[in-house]
Structure formats: C-alpha cells, structure tokens
Amino acid sequence: MTENPRRPAALRRAEALRSWSLLAAGVVAGGLLGGAYGVVKPPVYTATAYVVVVPTAKSDPASALGFAQAYGRVATQLAVLGDAQVWAGVPVRTLQQSVRTATSPDAPMVAITAASPRADLAADMANAVTRALTRHAKGAEATTNVELQQFARAVRPTAPSSASPAVTGLVGASAGGLLGGLVLLVRPRRGAREEAGRPAAVPGPALAADAHGAL
C-alpha cells in the first residue's frame, strides 16, 4: 500500500507559521534599523532664494525666459561660487555640494536652494550665491539686455527638511517586509524537497511476475 504523499495538516500549519514569523521579523528589523538611522543621521535644513530676469527696453519676455534658463546653469559655476564663498564663509567645494538651482519653463525666475546641517548656514549660502549671481549678471546687462533682480531672500528654516525617524522607520519596515517576502518566494518548500528526496517506487517481485505473465 503506497504512502499518502500529503503532509499532515499540523505540519502545514507549522510551516505557514514559520513563513509569517520570517515576514514579521523582516518588518520589525527593518523598522528598527530605519528608525535608528533617522535618529543617528544629522538633520538637514534647506533654504531657497529667488531671482527674476527682467527684460529691458531693448529686449522682450521671451529673451528674459531664455536667459533665466542660462542663469540657472551659471549659478553653480566656479565663477559665481568663487565670489559667493566670501559672503557665505564656506569653501567653494561646500557650495558645489550644497547648492542647487531650478528654473521654470513658464516664468523667468531662478530658485537657488542650499542645504546644510545648520539652518542659518543654509540661508547664508543661498543668499550669497544669489548676490554673486546678480553681480555677474549686472556686468553683462549691456550684452544680454536683461536685468537680474532679487525676488525673495532666503530665510532661516525653522524645521529640518530631512526625513524624521518615524518616516525612516516606516521606510525601513516596508523594505524589511519586502525582503522577507522575497526570501519566502525563493526559498524551496519542504514538500518539494521531500518529494525530490523520496526514492522512486519499484514494483515488488509478485507484481513483476504477474506483469510478465500477462505478456
């Protein structure tokens, strides 16, 4: 009589419990690691200043829009940052790593954003780059026929822009759960291992003789 290949219900329930335990462990471990990262990592503050390109009598709004795109790229160049470091009080390398610019396809405006672990330094760097950029633009007004004017100064941020420990913990828990699910998917099942390791059934001597006589 052949053995029933189906596993007992208790064994299936135990394997399902182990699978859920692995998934829960991944969620908990990921959440703890993510929360710890959010606590240990220093906060980051960002401050943004805005400049606007104004056309002169010899220019038009379309030209101002085009020069706004150009000034957005020039703002992070060494010629501008070299002057900005004097007012910001930080090396050019720090400005290169911390300052980013953004432009709009619809408005002749440039946003200059600086990030720093210090809230006051973030505002100082953004305003320093804005000041240096407007000075460079003023020296080229006769050629560009546009003026670059300060639209809004950067103010000292009151709260960090980096993710809080709660957010990093939630992200870590999601990543841990996803990793645990992937482990469950790629892990070979015990039933498959048992079937693979079970020897092939060989007919007994009596059955073989009967089969030979039937032939």
C-alpha atoms as a PDB file:
ATOM      1  CA  MET A   1       0.000   0.000   0.000  1.00  0.00           C
ATOM      2  CA  THR A   2       1.520   3.303  -1.059  1.00  0.00           C
ATOM      3  CA  GLU A   3       2.131   6.105   1.474  1.00  0.00           C
ATOM      4  CA  ASN A   4      -0.152   9.131   1.304  1.00  0.00           C
ATOM      5  CA  PRO A   5       2.052  11.922  -0.089  1.00  0.00           C
ATOM      6  CA  ARG A   6       0.018  14.659   1.530  1.00  0.00           C
ATOM      7  CA  ARG A   7       1.578  16.178   4.606  1.00  0.00           C
ATOM      8  CA  PRO A   8      -0.379  16.309   7.868  1.00  0.00           C
ATOM      9  CA  ALA A   9      -2.406  19.470   8.478  1.00  0.00           C
ATOM     10  CA  ALA A  10      -0.399  20.279  11.623  1.00  0.00           C
ATOM     11  CA  LEU A  11       2.826  20.267   9.616  1.00  0.00           C
ATOM     12  CA  ARG A  12       1.361  22.624   7.027  1.00  0.00           C
ATOM     13  CA  ARG A  13       0.187  24.985   9.739  1.00  0.00           C
ATOM     14  CA  ALA A  14       3.648  24.947  11.346  1.00  0.00           C
ATOM     15  CA  GLU A  15       5.305  25.850   8.027  1.00  0.00           C
ATOM     16  CA  ALA A  16       2.799  28.653   7.440  1.00  0.00           C
ATOM     17  CA  LEU A  17       3.536  29.993  10.930  1.00  0.00           C
ATOM     18  CA  ARG A  18       7.278  29.949  10.243  1.00  0.00           C
ATOM     19  CA  SER A  19       6.703  31.844   6.985  1.00  0.00           C
ATOM     20  CA  TRP A  20       4.693  34.556   8.725  1.00  0.00           C
ATOM     21  CA  SER A  21       7.299  34.712  11.501  1.00  0.00           C
ATOM     22  CA  LEU A  22      10.036  35.353   8.937  1.00  0.00           C
ATOM     23  CA  LEU A  23       7.989  38.096   7.312  1.00  0.00           C
ATOM     24  CA  ALA A  24       7.229  39.735  10.671  1.00  0.00           C
ATOM     25  CA  ALA A  25      10.893  39.544  11.671  1.00  0.00           C
ATOM     26  CA  GLY A  26      11.862  41.359   8.467  1.00  0.00           C
ATOM     27  CA  VAL A  27       9.345  44.126   9.143  1.00  0.00           C
ATOM     28  CA  VAL A  28      10.485  44.585  12.751  1.00  0.00           C
ATOM     29  CA  ALA A  29      14.199  44.513  11.917  1.00  0.00           C
ATOM     30  CA  GLY A  30      13.761  46.945   9.020  1.00  0.00           C
ATOM     31  CA  GLY A  31      11.724  49.319  11.169  1.00  0.00           C
ATOM     32  CA  LEU A  32      14.307  49.313  13.949  1.00  0.00           C
ATOM     33  CA  LEU A  33      17.195  49.911  11.549  1.00  0.00           C
ATOM     34  CA  GLY A  34      15.334  52.665   9.715  1.00  0.00           C
ATOM     35  CA  GLY A  35      14.372  54.408  12.950  1.00  0.00           C
ATOM     36  CA  ALA A  36      17.926  54.185  14.263  1.00  0.00           C
ATOM     37  CA  TYR A  37      19.229  55.685  11.018  1.00  0.00           C
ATOM     38  CA  GLY A  38      16.813  58.594  11.354  1.00  0.00           C
ATOM     39  CA  VAL A  39      17.989  59.245  14.920  1.00  0.00           C
ATOM     40  CA  VAL A  40      21.725  58.992  14.201  1.00  0.00           C
ATOM     41  CA  LYS A  41      21.791  60.932  10.919  1.00  0.00           C
ATOM     42  CA  PRO A  42      22.146  64.716  11.443  1.00  0.00           C
ATOM     43  CA  PRO A  43      19.148  66.798  10.317  1.00  0.00           C
ATOM     44  CA  VAL A  44      19.384  68.729   7.056  1.00  0.00           C
ATOM     45  CA  TYR A  45      17.967  72.227   6.608  1.00  0.00           C
ATOM     46  CA  THR A  46      17.215  73.821   3.242  1.00  0.00           C
ATOM     47  CA  ALA A  47      16.695  77.468   2.351  1.00  0.00           C
ATOM     48  CA  THR A  48      15.703  78.926  -1.020  1.00  0.00           C
ATOM     49  CA  ALA A  49      16.220  82.351  -2.560  1.00  0.00           C
ATOM     50  CA  TYR A  50      14.666  83.568  -5.826  1.00  0.00           C
ATOM     51  CA  VAL A  51      15.882  85.886  -8.563  1.00  0.00           C
ATOM     52  CA  VAL A  52      13.879  87.093 -11.550  1.00  0.00           C
ATOM     53  CA  VAL A  53      15.069  88.108 -15.014  1.00  0.00           C
ATOM     54  CA  VAL A  54      13.529  91.381 -16.223  1.00  0.00           C
ATOM     55  CA  PRO A  55      13.786  92.441 -19.896  1.00  0.00           C
ATOM     56  CA  THR A  56      14.963  95.962 -20.689  1.00  0.00           C
ATOM     57  CA  ALA A  57      13.549  98.242 -23.370  1.00  0.00           C
ATOM     58  CA  LYS A  58      15.776  96.545 -25.955  1.00  0.00           C
ATOM     59  CA  SER A  59      14.591  93.047 -25.073  1.00  0.00           C
ATOM     60  CA  ASP A  60      11.355  91.063 -24.719  1.00  0.00           C
ATOM     61  CA  PRO A  61       9.836  88.498 -22.300  1.00  0.00           C
ATOM     62  CA  ALA A  62      10.898  85.563 -24.472  1.00  0.00           C
ATOM     63  CA  SER A  63      14.542  86.618 -24.188  1.00  0.00           C
ATOM     64  CA  ALA A  64      14.176  87.019 -20.436  1.00  0.00           C
ATOM     65  CA  LEU A  65      12.827  83.494 -20.195  1.00  0.00           C
ATOM     66  CA  GLY A  66      15.761  82.131 -22.158  1.00  0.00           C
ATOM     67  CA  PHE A  67      18.313  83.985 -20.026  1.00  0.00           C
ATOM     68  CA  ALA A  68      16.626  82.651 -16.872  1.00  0.00           C
ATOM     69  CA  GLN A  69      17.426  79.122 -18.037  1.00  0.00           C
ATOM     70  CA  ALA A  70      21.015  80.182 -18.729  1.00  0.00           C
ATOM     71  CA  TYR A  71      21.467  81.875 -15.350  1.00  0.00           C
ATOM     72  CA  GLY A  72      20.104  78.751 -13.660  1.00  0.00           C
ATOM     73  CA  ARG A  73      23.074  76.851 -15.062  1.00  0.00           C
ATOM     74  CA  VAL A  74      25.608  79.631 -14.448  1.00  0.00           C
ATOM     75  CA  ALA A  75      24.691  79.948 -10.747  1.00  0.00           C
ATOM     76  CA  THR A  76      26.561  76.776  -9.798  1.00  0.00           C
ATOM     77  CA  GLN A  77      29.648  77.511 -11.877  1.00  0.00           C
ATOM     78  CA  LEU A  78      33.010  78.295 -10.317  1.00  0.00           C
ATOM     79  CA  ALA A  79      32.967  81.930 -11.474  1.00  0.00           C
ATOM     80  CA  VAL A  80      29.873  82.630  -9.353  1.00  0.00           C
ATOM     81  CA  LEU A  81      30.654  80.336  -6.424  1.00  0.00           C
ATOM     82  CA  GLY A  82      34.135  81.795  -6.122  1.00  0.00           C
ATOM     83  CA  ASP A  83      32.590  85.158  -5.201  1.00  0.00           C
ATOM     84  CA  ALA A  84      29.809  83.608  -3.118  1.00  0.00           C
ATOM     85  CA  GLN A  85      32.254  81.850  -0.793  1.00  0.00           C
ATOM     86  CA  VAL A  86      33.391  85.195   0.563  1.00  0.00           C
ATOM     87  CA  TRP A  87      29.896  86.130   1.789  1.00  0.00           C
ATOM     88  CA  ALA A  88      28.894  82.609   2.799  1.00  0.00           C
ATOM     89  CA  GLY A  89      32.094  81.932   4.743  1.00  0.00           C
ATOM     90  CA  VAL A  90      32.485  78.396   3.397  1.00  0.00           C
ATOM     91  CA  PRO A  91      34.814  76.868   0.767  1.00  0.00           C
ATOM     92  CA  VAL A  92      33.768  76.620  -2.864  1.00  0.00           C
ATOM     93  CA  ARG A  93      33.649  72.842  -2.540  1.00  0.00           C
ATOM     94  CA  THR A  94      30.959  73.128   0.131  1.00  0.00           C
ATOM     95  CA  LEU A  95      28.889  75.374  -2.122  1.00  0.00           C
ATOM     96  CA  GLN A  96      29.275  72.955  -5.022  1.00  0.00           C
ATOM     97  CA  GLN A  97      27.970  70.103  -2.876  1.00  0.00           C
ATOM     98  CA  SER A  98      25.182  72.047  -1.159  1.00  0.00           C
ATOM     99  CA  VAL A  99      23.693  74.475  -3.696  1.00  0.00           C
ATOM    100  CA  ARG A 100      21.166  73.514  -6.371  1.00  0.00           C
ATOM    101  CA  THR A 101      19.176  75.631  -8.804  1.00  0.00           C
ATOM    102  CA  ALA A 102      15.819  75.210 -10.500  1.00  0.00           C
ATOM    103  CA  THR A 103      14.122  77.108 -13.301  1.00  0.00           C
ATOM    104  CA  SER A 104      10.613  77.194 -14.737  1.00  0.00           C
ATOM    105  CA  PRO A 105       9.705  76.863 -18.426  1.00  0.00           C
ATOM    106  CA  ASP A 106       6.899  79.399 -17.923  1.00  0.00           C
ATOM    107  CA  ALA A 107       8.436  82.110 -15.711  1.00  0.00           C
ATOM    108  CA  PRO A 108      11.811  83.926 -15.968  1.00  0.00           C
ATOM    109  CA  MET A 109      12.752  83.006 -12.420  1.00  0.00           C
ATOM    110  CA  VAL A 110      15.614  81.068 -10.842  1.00  0.00           C
ATOM    111  CA  ALA A 111      15.322  79.297  -7.486  1.00  0.00           C
ATOM    112  CA  ILE A 112      18.604  78.863  -5.598  1.00  0.00           C
ATOM    113  CA  THR A 113      18.435  76.274  -2.803  1.00  0.00           C
ATOM    114  CA  ALA A 114      21.164  75.480  -0.272  1.00  0.00           C
ATOM    115  CA  ALA A 115      21.243  72.579   2.192  1.00  0.00           C
ATOM    116  CA  SER A 116      23.215  72.368   5.421  1.00  0.00           C
ATOM    117  CA  PRO A 117      23.124  70.751   8.882  1.00  0.00           C
ATOM    118  CA  ARG A 118      22.861  74.340  10.176  1.00  0.00           C
ATOM    119  CA  ALA A 119      19.721  76.325   9.453  1.00  0.00           C
ATOM    120  CA  ASP A 120      21.486  79.710   9.445  1.00  0.00           C
ATOM    121  CA  LEU A 121      24.234  78.485   7.118  1.00  0.00           C
ATOM    122  CA  ALA A 122      21.701  77.172   4.616  1.00  0.00           C
ATOM    123  CA  ALA A 123      20.127  80.623   4.341  1.00  0.00           C
ATOM    124  CA  ASP A 124      23.521  82.346   4.183  1.00  0.00           C
ATOM    125  CA  MET A 125      24.727  80.129   1.328  1.00  0.00           C
ATOM    126  CA  ALA A 126      21.558  80.627  -0.730  1.00  0.00           C
ATOM    127  CA  ASN A 127      21.704  84.418  -0.289  1.00  0.00           C
ATOM    128  CA  ALA A 128      25.448  84.514  -1.029  1.00  0.00           C
ATOM    129  CA  VAL A 129      25.024  82.696  -4.343  1.00  0.00           C
ATOM    130  CA  THR A 130      22.094  84.962  -5.217  1.00  0.00           C
ATOM    131  CA  ARG A 131      24.194  88.049  -4.543  1.00  0.00           C
ATOM    132  CA  ALA A 132      27.123  86.771  -6.598  1.00  0.00           C
ATOM    133  CA  LEU A 133      24.855  85.793  -9.496  1.00  0.00           C
ATOM    134  CA  THR A 134      23.147  89.189  -9.657  1.00  0.00           C
ATOM    135  CA  ARG A 135      26.531  90.927  -9.667  1.00  0.00           C
ATOM    136  CA  HIS A 136      27.728  88.801 -12.587  1.00  0.00           C
ATOM    137  CA  ALA A 137      24.502  89.432 -14.466  1.00  0.00           C
ATOM    138  CA  LYS A 138      24.788  93.186 -13.915  1.00  0.00           C
ATOM    139  CA  GLY A 139      28.183  93.246 -15.598  1.00  0.00           C
ATOM    140  CA  ALA A 140      26.647  91.666 -18.718  1.00  0.00           C
ATOM    141  CA  GLU A 141      23.491  93.792 -18.997  1.00  0.00           C
ATOM    142  CA  ALA A 142      24.824  95.724 -21.978  1.00  0.00           C
ATOM    143  CA  THR A 143      25.148  92.461 -23.883  1.00  0.00           C
ATOM    144  CA  THR A 144      22.138  90.495 -22.629  1.00  0.00           C
ATOM    145  CA  ASN A 145      19.681  93.421 -22.455  1.00  0.00           C
ATOM    146  CA  VAL A 146      18.105  91.847 -19.354  1.00  0.00           C
ATOM    147  CA  GLU A 147      18.368  92.599 -15.657  1.00  0.00           C
ATOM    148  CA  LEU A 148      18.642  90.041 -12.892  1.00  0.00           C
ATOM    149  CA  GLN A 149      16.900  91.206  -9.739  1.00  0.00           C
ATOM    150  CA  GLN A 150      16.436  89.607  -6.368  1.00  0.00           C
ATOM    151  CA  PHE A 151      12.836  88.465  -5.958  1.00  0.00           C
ATOM    152  CA  ALA A 152      12.948  86.921  -2.467  1.00  0.00           C
ATOM    153  CA  ARG A 153      15.709  86.382   0.073  1.00  0.00           C
ATOM    154  CA  ALA A 154      16.249  83.027   1.724  1.00  0.00           C
ATOM    155  CA  VAL A 155      15.082  82.946   5.324  1.00  0.00           C
ATOM    156  CA  ARG A 156      16.374  80.729   8.092  1.00  0.00           C
ATOM    157  CA  PRO A 157      14.334  77.490   8.112  1.00  0.00           C
ATOM    158  CA  THR A 158      12.610  76.609  11.351  1.00  0.00           C
ATOM    159  CA  ALA A 159      12.391  72.846  10.759  1.00  0.00           C
ATOM    160  CA  PRO A 160      14.640  70.308   9.018  1.00  0.00           C
ATOM    161  CA  SER A 161      13.742  69.147   5.547  1.00  0.00           C
ATOM    162  CA  SER A 162      15.221  65.679   6.070  1.00  0.00           C
ATOM    163  CA  ALA A 163      13.024  62.717   6.938  1.00  0.00           C
ATOM    164  CA  SER A 164      12.122  62.193  10.598  1.00  0.00           C
ATOM    165  CA  PRO A 165      12.942  58.945  12.479  1.00  0.00           C
ATOM    166  CA  ALA A 166       9.283  57.932  12.152  1.00  0.00           C
ATOM    167  CA  VAL A 167       9.436  58.224   8.371  1.00  0.00           C
ATOM    168  CA  THR A 168      12.761  56.411   8.064  1.00  0.00           C
ATOM    169  CA  GLY A 169      11.430  53.702  10.386  1.00  0.00           C
ATOM    170  CA  LEU A 170       8.361  53.251   8.188  1.00  0.00           C
ATOM    171  CA  VAL A 171      10.527  53.033   5.075  1.00  0.00           C
ATOM    172  CA  GLY A 172      12.807  50.511   6.779  1.00  0.00           C
ATOM    173  CA  ALA A 173       9.837  48.390   7.866  1.00  0.00           C
ATOM    174  CA  SER A 174       8.489  48.361   4.306  1.00  0.00           C
ATOM    175  CA  ALA A 175      11.889  47.361   2.937  1.00  0.00           C
ATOM    176  CA  GLY A 176      12.279  44.642   5.577  1.00  0.00           C
ATOM    177  CA  GLY A 177       8.855  43.227   4.784  1.00  0.00           C
ATOM    178  CA  LEU A 178       9.617  43.228   1.083  1.00  0.00           C
ATOM    179  CA  LEU A 179      12.927  41.469   1.656  1.00  0.00           C
ATOM    180  CA  GLY A 180      11.254  38.873   3.852  1.00  0.00           C
ATOM    181  CA  GLY A 181       8.624  38.249   1.192  1.00  0.00           C
ATOM    182  CA  LEU A 182      11.288  37.758  -1.449  1.00  0.00           C
ATOM    183  CA  VAL A 183      13.079  35.238   0.782  1.00  0.00           C
ATOM    184  CA  LEU A 184       9.843  33.301   1.153  1.00  0.00           C
ATOM    185  CA  LEU A 185       9.334  33.267  -2.596  1.00  0.00           C
ATOM    186  CA  VAL A 186      12.789  31.978  -3.486  1.00  0.00           C
ATOM    187  CA  ARG A 187      13.097  29.519  -0.583  1.00  0.00           C
ATOM    188  CA  PRO A 188      12.404  25.925  -1.669  1.00  0.00           C
ATOM    189  CA  ARG A 189       9.413  24.415   0.047  1.00  0.00           C
ATOM    190  CA  ARG A 190       9.836  21.478   2.363  1.00  0.00           C
ATOM    191  CA  GLY A 191       7.263  19.425   0.476  1.00  0.00           C
ATOM    192  CA  ALA A 192       9.185  19.819  -2.747  1.00  0.00           C
ATOM    193  CA  ARG A 193      12.402  18.722  -1.019  1.00  0.00           C
ATOM    194  CA  GLU A 194      10.666  15.655   0.400  1.00  0.00           C
ATOM    195  CA  GLU A 195       9.256  14.678  -2.979  1.00  0.00           C
ATOM    196  CA  ALA A 196      12.660  15.148  -4.616  1.00  0.00           C
ATOM    197  CA  GLY A 197      14.418  13.056  -1.963  1.00  0.00           C
ATOM    198  CA  ARG A 198      11.884  10.231  -1.952  1.00  0.00           C
ATOM    199  CA  PRO A 199      13.098   7.136  -3.935  1.00  0.00           C
ATOM    200  CA  ALA A 200      11.087   6.026  -6.923  1.00  0.00           C
ATOM    201  CA  ALA A 201       8.572   3.251  -6.251  1.00  0.00           C
ATOM    202  CA  VAL A 202       9.744  -0.152  -7.548  1.00  0.00           C
ATOM    203  CA  PRO A 203       7.147  -2.895  -8.101  1.00  0.00           C
ATOM    204  CA  GLY A 204       7.501  -5.950  -5.875  1.00  0.00           C
ATOM    205  CA  PRO A 205       8.514  -9.380  -7.240  1.00  0.00           C
ATOM    206  CA  ALA A 206       4.936 -10.654  -7.292  1.00  0.00           C
ATOM    207  CA  LEU A 207       3.694  -7.697  -9.256  1.00  0.00           C
ATOM    208  CA  ALA A 208       6.595  -8.003 -11.707  1.00  0.00           C
ATOM    209  CA  ALA A 209       5.870 -11.704 -12.261  1.00  0.00           C
ATOM    210  CA  ASP A 210       2.178 -11.028 -12.889  1.00  0.00           C
ATOM    211  CA  ALA A 211       3.049  -8.363 -15.383  1.00  0.00           C
ATOM    212  CA  HIS A 212       5.468 -10.741 -17.160  1.00  0.00           C
ATOM    213  CA  GLY A 213       2.857 -13.491 -17.321  1.00  0.00           C
ATOM    214  CA  ALA A 214       0.289 -11.132 -18.770  1.00  0.00           C
ATOM    215  CA  LEU A 215       2.685 -10.500 -21.642  1.00  0.00           C
END
